[in-house]
Each structure stands twice: as structure tokens, then as C-alpha cells.
């Protein structure tokens, strides 16, 4: 039974990652706010705060406050954050606040290691494309 639950969780995670990859296949580089034809993508996103804490005796959590601007809620398909242990913020961490929202607090609660520096960038996916915030780092306790 435990094996089936773990397998179901892994399959669910793979499905989410596949969805992200497919939706971001045309994503732009971090500092590039233009699409492939050079047209400026409307909107921007910033990380207003980031912190790491020990949530329980065995669990760690990274909290990320995100704010989008320059777009209406109707234009927001997804607002969230991605990250990992490499300085380009690529890795296995992913969280989303969903669509139709311009700000909020996101959390990474799985896959974190103690005394590890993580690099995180926020993303804003709109009807025009996807933009990223500058990368911020945080070290877990």
C-alpha cells in the first residue's frame, strides 16, 4: 500500500512538472522581457521577501512573497516561484499561487535539505508570455 501511495505521488509530481515544461516551452531568459520576435511582454514580477525556517523538528520551509505588476488579474495565467541549488535557480523546487492573482505568499515545503543555499526566481505567466524576477538566495537552517 505504501509503495502505491509513493508511486501515485511521484506520478502526480511528474505530471505537474510536465505541465510546467509544456507551458513554459517558449519562456524567455530571466532578464529578457521580450518574446522571440522582440515584442515587449507586458508585466513584471518581483520577490518582495524570502526566508527559510525549520517548520517542525524534521521539516524545512522556504517562504516567498511575490508581487506582479503591469498586468490585470484577467491576464495572469499563473504566478509562482521556481528554484534549486544552482545559481541559475534551475532545479526541482516549484510552487504556484495559481492564475488571476497579482500577489501572495508561496511556500516550498518538500525536497529541502538543511544548511543548503537555494536560489529562487518568481515567474509571471500571462496571456502574452512568461517573465521572471531577479534571482534571490536563501539558506535553510
Protein backbone atom coordinates (compact mmCIF):
# COMPACT_ATOMS: atom_id res chain seq x y z
CA UNK A 1 0.00 0.00 0.00
CA UNK A 2 2.82 2.42 0.92
CA UNK A 3 4.51 1.71 -2.45
CA UNK A 4 1.29 2.57 -4.30
CA UNK A 5 0.95 5.88 -2.43
CA UNK A 6 4.58 6.82 -3.17
CA UNK A 7 4.14 5.83 -6.83
CA UNK A 8 0.97 7.95 -7.07
CA UNK A 9 2.77 10.95 -5.54
CA UNK A 10 5.68 10.56 -7.95
CA UNK A 11 3.34 10.32 -10.94
CA UNK A 12 1.44 13.39 -9.77
CA UNK A 13 4.71 15.34 -9.42
CA UNK A 14 5.83 14.27 -12.90
CA UNK A 15 2.50 15.38 -14.36
CA UNK A 16 2.86 18.83 -12.74
CA UNK A 17 6.45 19.21 -13.97
CA UNK A 18 5.43 18.14 -17.47
CA UNK A 19 2.66 20.75 -17.45
CA UNK A 20 5.13 23.44 -16.41
CA UNK A 21 7.64 22.44 -19.08
CA UNK A 22 4.98 22.44 -21.78
CA UNK A 23 3.52 25.77 -20.70
CA UNK A 24 6.98 27.38 -20.47
CA UNK A 25 8.48 25.91 -23.62
CA UNK A 26 8.57 29.40 -25.10
CA UNK A 27 9.68 31.12 -21.90
CA UNK A 28 12.18 33.90 -22.01
CA UNK A 29 15.51 34.23 -20.23
CA UNK A 30 15.46 35.79 -16.79
CA UNK A 31 16.21 39.38 -17.79
CA UNK A 32 14.52 39.23 -21.21
CA UNK A 33 11.05 40.74 -21.18
CA UNK A 34 10.56 40.26 -24.93
CA UNK A 35 9.15 37.42 -26.97
CA UNK A 36 11.05 35.69 -29.80
CA UNK A 37 10.07 38.43 -32.27
CA UNK A 38 11.36 41.16 -29.94
CA UNK A 39 7.95 42.41 -28.79
CA UNK A 40 7.90 43.53 -25.17
CA UNK A 41 5.88 41.29 -22.85
CA UNK A 42 3.53 43.20 -20.60
CA UNK A 43 4.06 42.85 -16.86
CA UNK A 44 6.79 42.22 -14.34
CA UNK A 45 7.25 40.17 -11.19
CA UNK A 46 9.36 40.61 -8.06
CA UNK A 47 10.20 38.68 -4.92
CA UNK A 48 9.40 41.10 -2.11
CA UNK A 49 10.75 38.81 0.63
CA UNK A 50 12.25 35.36 1.04
CA UNK A 51 13.04 33.40 4.19
CA UNK A 52 13.78 29.88 5.34
CA UNK A 53 12.71 28.28 8.59
CA UNK A 54 12.51 24.99 10.38
CA UNK A 55 8.78 24.25 10.34
CA UNK A 56 8.97 21.13 12.51
CA UNK A 57 11.80 19.15 14.03
CA UNK A 58 12.30 17.39 10.69
CA UNK A 59 10.74 19.73 8.15
CA UNK A 60 12.07 22.82 6.44
CA UNK A 61 10.18 25.55 4.61
CA UNK A 62 11.08 28.43 2.29
CA UNK A 63 8.60 31.31 2.21
CA UNK A 64 8.50 33.56 -0.85
CA UNK A 65 6.38 36.72 -1.13
CA UNK A 66 5.65 37.52 -4.77
CA UNK A 67 4.20 40.61 -6.44
CA UNK A 68 3.25 41.09 -10.09
CA UNK A 69 2.67 44.48 -11.66
CA UNK A 70 1.78 45.98 -15.01
CA UNK A 71 -0.98 43.45 -15.75
CA UNK A 72 -4.59 42.88 -14.74
CA UNK A 73 -5.78 39.76 -12.95
CA UNK A 74 -7.54 38.72 -16.18
CA UNK A 75 -4.16 38.47 -17.93
CA UNK A 76 -2.44 36.32 -15.27
CA UNK A 77 -2.39 32.63 -16.16
CA UNK A 78 -0.01 31.66 -13.36
CA UNK A 79 2.07 33.35 -10.67
CA UNK A 80 4.64 31.37 -8.72
CA UNK A 81 8.27 30.59 -7.99
CA UNK A 82 10.87 28.08 -9.12
CA UNK A 83 14.27 27.25 -7.74
CA UNK A 84 17.04 24.89 -6.88
CA UNK A 85 20.59 24.66 -5.59
CA UNK A 86 22.27 26.12 -8.67
CA UNK A 87 22.79 29.87 -9.06
CA UNK A 88 20.56 29.98 -12.17
CA UNK A 89 17.58 28.94 -9.98
CA UNK A 90 17.03 25.80 -12.03
CA UNK A 91 16.05 22.71 -10.10
CA UNK A 92 13.24 20.74 -8.59
CA UNK A 93 11.52 23.40 -6.49
CA UNK A 94 8.23 24.70 -7.83
CA UNK A 95 5.21 26.39 -6.32
CA UNK A 96 2.28 28.32 -7.74
CA UNK A 97 -0.28 30.78 -6.45
CA UNK A 98 -2.44 29.98 -9.46
CA UNK A 99 -3.93 32.28 -12.06
CA UNK A 100 -5.83 35.51 -11.67
CA UNK A 101 -3.75 36.75 -8.74
CA UNK A 102 -1.23 39.59 -8.56
CA UNK A 103 0.48 38.86 -5.24
CA UNK A 104 0.76 36.37 -2.44
CA UNK A 105 2.92 34.14 -0.31
CA UNK A 106 4.21 30.89 -1.77
CA UNK A 107 5.96 28.07 0.09
CA UNK A 108 8.42 25.34 -0.76
CA UNK A 109 7.92 22.53 1.75
CA UNK A 110 9.30 19.38 0.11
CA UNK A 111 12.69 18.39 -1.19
CA UNK A 112 14.63 20.79 1.04
CA UNK A 113 17.89 19.97 2.79
CA UNK A 114 19.29 21.53 5.95
CA UNK A 115 22.15 24.06 5.71
CA UNK A 116 21.74 24.39 1.94
CA UNK A 117 21.60 27.55 -0.16
CA UNK A 118 18.68 27.67 -2.57
CA UNK A 119 18.27 30.10 -5.46
CA UNK A 120 14.74 31.19 -6.31
CA UNK A 121 13.09 33.29 -9.00
CA UNK A 122 9.44 34.26 -9.29
CA UNK A 123 7.59 33.85 -12.56
CA UNK A 124 4.58 35.54 -14.10
CA UNK A 125 2.89 33.74 -16.94
CA UNK A 126 0.44 35.98 -18.82
CA UNK A 127 -1.54 35.71 -21.99
CA UNK A 128 1.49 37.28 -23.75
CA UNK A 129 4.28 35.10 -22.33
CA UNK A 130 6.35 34.47 -19.21
CA UNK A 131 8.68 36.81 -17.32
CA UNK A 132 10.96 36.11 -14.35
CA UNK A 133 12.16 38.12 -11.39
CA UNK A 134 15.80 38.54 -10.49
CA UNK A 135 17.18 35.52 -8.60
CA UNK A 136 17.36 35.63 -4.80
CA UNK A 137 19.08 33.18 -2.49
CA UNK A 138 18.25 31.82 0.94
CA UNK A 139 19.98 29.27 3.17
CA UNK A 140 17.99 26.75 5.16
CA UNK A 141 18.70 26.35 8.89
